Amino acid sequence: MGGNSRTTFAKRQKERARQEKQAEKAQRRAQRKTQQKEEGAVSPASSADPVVTYDEEGNPQGLGFHDF
């Protein structure tokens, strides 16, 4: 009968480790979610606008492939 208690103890340890890992994952998800909200609130459309450059005469230059 001594062998049963060892497997039960191992199961408890395994379950506790699983729960801790799950809690850490949930905390990381919540942290990422708050970071995305903070970044999104600043200026979501500003990075989507292409940057227009002008030549010496003040005329806009054409946009390249990487400007979009």
Protein backbone atom coordinates (compact mmCIF):
# COMPACT_ATOMS: atom_id res chain seq x y z
CA MET A 1 0.00 0.00 0.00
CA GLY A 2 2.99 2.32 0.33
CA GLY A 3 3.24 2.75 -3.45
CA ASN A 4 -0.14 4.43 -3.79
CA SER A 5 0.72 7.51 -1.71
CA ARG A 6 3.73 8.29 -3.88
CA THR A 7 1.69 8.35 -7.10
CA THR A 8 -0.96 10.50 -5.44
CA PHE A 9 1.71 12.96 -4.28
CA ALA A 10 3.19 13.05 -7.79
CA LYS A 11 -0.25 13.70 -9.25
CA ARG A 12 -0.77 16.59 -6.83
CA GLN A 13 2.57 18.11 -7.78
CA LYS A 14 1.82 17.74 -11.46
CA GLU A 15 -1.62 19.31 -11.08
CA ARG A 16 -0.21 22.19 -9.02
CA ALA A 17 2.45 22.84 -11.69
CA ARG A 18 -0.22 22.79 -14.38
CA GLN A 19 -2.35 25.30 -12.46
CA GLU A 20 0.62 27.62 -11.90
CA LYS A 21 1.54 27.49 -15.58
CA GLN A 22 -2.06 28.24 -16.53
CA ALA A 23 -2.17 31.21 -14.13
CA GLU A 24 1.09 32.60 -15.55
CA LYS A 25 -0.28 32.27 -19.07
CA ALA A 26 -3.47 34.12 -18.11
CA GLN A 27 -1.41 36.88 -16.54
CA ARG A 28 0.71 37.26 -19.69
CA ARG A 29 -2.44 37.39 -21.84
CA ALA A 30 -3.92 40.11 -19.65
CA GLN A 31 -0.68 42.06 -19.78
CA ARG A 32 -0.54 41.86 -23.58
CA LYS A 33 -4.17 42.92 -23.79
CA THR A 34 -3.55 46.05 -21.69
CA GLN A 35 -0.45 46.90 -23.73
CA GLN A 36 -2.43 46.65 -26.97
CA LYS A 37 -5.14 48.91 -25.56
CA GLU A 38 -2.54 51.49 -24.52
CA GLU A 39 -0.79 51.40 -27.90
CA GLY A 40 -4.05 51.49 -29.83
CA ALA A 41 -5.35 54.52 -27.93
CA VAL A 42 -2.34 56.67 -28.82
CA SER A 43 -2.68 56.98 -32.60
CA PRO A 44 -3.81 54.01 -34.67
CA ALA A 45 -4.14 55.87 -38.00
CA SER A 46 -0.87 57.82 -37.86
CA SER A 47 1.31 54.85 -38.83
CA ALA A 48 -0.96 53.94 -41.77
CA ASP A 49 -0.50 57.31 -43.53
CA PRO A 50 2.32 57.44 -46.11
CA VAL A 51 5.00 60.09 -45.64
CA VAL A 52 5.04 62.61 -48.47
CA THR A 53 8.43 64.11 -49.34
CA TYR A 54 8.99 67.26 -51.40
CA ASP A 55 11.77 68.24 -53.78
CA GLU A 56 13.65 71.59 -53.79
CA GLU A 57 10.85 73.32 -55.75
CA GLY A 58 8.17 72.25 -53.29
CA ASN A 59 6.60 69.62 -55.53
CA PRO A 60 5.65 66.29 -53.94
CA GLN A 61 7.85 63.37 -54.97
CA GLY A 62 6.38 60.05 -56.06
CA LEU A 63 5.78 57.39 -53.47
CA GLY A 64 7.79 54.20 -53.60
CA PHE A 65 6.76 50.65 -52.92
CA HIS A 66 7.92 50.78 -49.29
CA ASP A 67 5.98 53.94 -48.49
CA PHE A 68 2.77 51.98 -48.06
